């Protein structure tokens, strides 16, 4: 089943079961996908939808940090529930050890042994290799450790 079809089926199920969090979360994702389709004037594939969902997750993770600072535990809890729903549409995430191996292999391929000046070059290539399967923040941290 295509990702758009799965989103629609899950939206209908959330409506039937009166799941407000699920319904609202899926609605936001579907709206973001529709907006991207309108902007590009094309029908998006699953591979093009995944970064949109990843962006939605990142937005919520960033907001959680602010809510925690503000003592809004109710919003923290709600956003964590939304992240859990959104994560179910993402491909399985790879472990830190797998990211480290990809960083080492990519650096060897590019002939990079260290140095902060290589951060952008290495980071760009690693992100292409782990597209959709690893959080950019985790990758950045591991790349920085490798280059140090």
Protein backbone atom coordinates (compact mmCIF):
# COMPACT_ATOMS: atom_id res chain seq x y z
CA UNK A 1 0.00 0.00 0.00
CA UNK A 2 1.37 3.41 -0.96
CA UNK A 3 2.10 5.85 1.84
CA UNK A 4 -0.63 8.28 0.75
CA UNK A 5 -3.17 5.45 0.72
CA UNK A 6 -2.02 4.32 4.17
CA UNK A 7 -2.37 7.87 5.50
CA UNK A 8 -5.91 8.06 4.12
CA UNK A 9 -6.87 4.65 5.54
CA UNK A 10 -5.44 5.56 8.94
CA UNK A 11 -7.22 8.91 8.82
CA UNK A 12 -10.55 7.16 8.21
CA UNK A 13 -9.82 4.70 11.03
CA UNK A 14 -8.98 7.58 13.40
CA UNK A 15 -12.25 9.26 12.46
CA UNK A 16 -14.24 6.08 13.13
CA UNK A 17 -12.54 5.48 16.48
CA UNK A 18 -12.81 9.16 17.53
CA UNK A 19 -9.03 9.39 17.92
CA UNK A 20 -8.55 13.17 17.89
CA UNK A 21 -4.76 13.10 18.18
CA UNK A 22 -4.40 10.60 15.34
CA UNK A 23 -6.91 12.40 13.17
CA UNK A 24 -5.30 15.81 13.67
CA UNK A 25 -1.76 14.52 13.20
CA UNK A 26 -2.59 12.71 9.97
CA UNK A 27 -4.53 15.75 8.74
CA UNK A 28 -1.43 17.95 9.20
CA UNK A 29 0.73 15.48 7.29
CA UNK A 30 -1.76 15.08 4.48
CA UNK A 31 -2.01 18.89 4.20
CA UNK A 32 1.80 19.19 4.01
CA UNK A 33 1.92 16.50 1.32
CA UNK A 34 -0.88 18.18 -0.64
CA UNK A 35 0.89 21.55 -0.39
CA UNK A 36 4.12 20.01 -1.72
CA UNK A 37 2.18 18.45 -4.59
CA UNK A 38 0.58 21.79 -5.44
CA UNK A 39 3.95 23.57 -5.24
CA UNK A 40 5.69 21.06 -7.51
CA UNK A 41 2.63 20.29 -9.66
CA UNK A 42 3.41 16.58 -9.42
CA UNK A 43 2.15 13.53 -7.59
CA UNK A 44 4.63 12.71 -4.81
CA UNK A 45 6.09 9.23 -4.44
CA UNK A 46 6.67 7.51 -1.10
CA UNK A 47 10.35 8.53 -1.25
CA UNK A 48 9.30 12.17 -1.60
CA UNK A 49 6.73 11.95 1.21
CA UNK A 50 9.15 10.54 3.79
CA UNK A 51 11.17 13.81 4.10
CA UNK A 52 7.91 15.69 4.66
CA UNK A 53 7.02 13.37 7.53
CA UNK A 54 10.58 13.64 8.88
CA UNK A 55 10.24 17.43 8.84
CA UNK A 56 6.96 17.17 10.77
CA UNK A 57 8.69 14.99 13.39
CA UNK A 58 11.59 17.43 13.66
CA UNK A 59 9.23 20.38 14.12
CA UNK A 60 7.52 18.59 16.99
CA UNK A 61 10.80 17.56 18.63
CA UNK A 62 11.97 21.18 18.51
CA UNK A 63 8.69 22.36 19.99
CA UNK A 64 8.94 19.80 22.81
CA UNK A 65 12.20 21.41 23.98
CA UNK A 66 10.46 24.79 24.22
CA UNK A 67 7.44 23.32 26.00
CA UNK A 68 9.70 21.60 28.54
CA UNK A 69 11.43 24.92 29.27
CA UNK A 70 8.03 26.52 29.71
CA UNK A 71 6.76 23.75 32.00
CA UNK A 72 3.96 22.74 29.63
CA UNK A 73 3.90 19.00 30.31
CA UNK A 74 0.45 18.69 28.73
CA UNK A 75 1.80 19.87 25.37
CA UNK A 76 4.94 17.77 25.74
CA UNK A 77 2.78 14.67 26.20
CA UNK A 78 0.56 15.57 23.22
CA UNK A 79 3.51 16.20 20.91
CA UNK A 80 5.20 12.95 21.96
CA UNK A 81 2.01 11.12 21.01
CA UNK A 82 2.05 12.86 17.63
CA UNK A 83 5.71 11.92 17.10
CA UNK A 84 4.86 8.30 17.84
CA UNK A 85 2.10 8.36 15.21
CA UNK A 86 4.32 10.04 12.62
CA UNK A 87 7.21 7.65 13.30
CA UNK A 88 5.02 4.72 12.29
CA UNK A 89 5.14 6.01 8.69
CA UNK A 90 8.93 6.29 8.62
CA UNK A 91 11.28 3.52 7.51
CA UNK A 92 13.04 1.74 10.38
CA UNK A 93 15.76 3.95 11.89
CA UNK A 94 19.35 2.70 11.89
CA UNK A 95 21.43 2.47 15.06
CA UNK A 96 24.27 4.79 16.05
CA UNK A 97 26.75 2.01 15.39
CA UNK A 98 25.43 1.62 11.84
CA UNK A 99 25.71 5.39 11.36
CA UNK A 100 29.32 5.27 12.61
CA UNK A 101 30.12 2.54 10.06
CA UNK A 102 28.53 4.55 7.24
CA UNK A 103 30.51 7.64 8.32
CA UNK A 104 33.78 5.66 8.35
CA UNK A 105 33.06 4.05 4.97
CA UNK A 106 31.99 7.33 3.38
CA UNK A 107 35.05 9.15 4.75
CA UNK A 108 37.32 6.43 3.35
CA UNK A 109 35.56 6.67 0.00
CA UNK A 110 36.06 10.46 -0.06
CA UNK A 111 39.62 10.25 1.30
CA UNK A 112 38.76 12.21 4.45
CA UNK A 113 40.66 11.40 7.63
CA UNK A 114 39.66 14.32 9.83
CA UNK A 115 39.48 18.10 10.07
CA UNK A 116 36.51 20.37 10.63
CA UNK A 117 36.90 21.83 7.12
CA UNK A 118 35.57 18.52 5.74
CA UNK A 119 32.35 18.68 7.79
CA UNK A 120 30.08 19.86 4.95
CA UNK A 121 31.50 17.50 2.36
CA UNK A 122 31.24 14.42 4.61
CA UNK A 123 27.91 15.39 6.15
CA UNK A 124 26.31 15.89 2.73
CA UNK A 125 27.39 12.51 1.42
CA UNK A 126 26.45 10.65 4.64
CA UNK A 127 22.99 12.24 4.65
CA UNK A 128 22.47 11.02 1.08
CA UNK A 129 23.39 7.51 2.20
CA UNK A 130 21.10 7.45 5.25
CA UNK A 131 18.21 9.42 3.74
CA UNK A 132 15.10 8.90 5.84
CA UNK A 133 16.65 6.24 8.09
CA UNK A 134 18.62 8.42 10.52
CA UNK A 135 18.07 11.68 12.35
CA UNK A 136 20.23 14.52 11.01
CA UNK A 137 21.19 15.61 14.51
CA UNK A 138 22.52 12.15 15.34
CA UNK A 139 24.45 12.03 12.07
CA UNK A 140 25.94 15.49 12.70
CA UNK A 141 27.10 14.47 16.18
CA UNK A 142 28.77 11.30 14.88
CA UNK A 143 30.41 13.12 11.94
CA UNK A 144 31.78 15.75 14.35
CA UNK A 145 33.18 13.01 16.60
CA UNK A 146 34.80 11.34 13.60
CA UNK A 147 36.40 14.55 12.35
CA UNK A 148 37.71 15.61 15.78
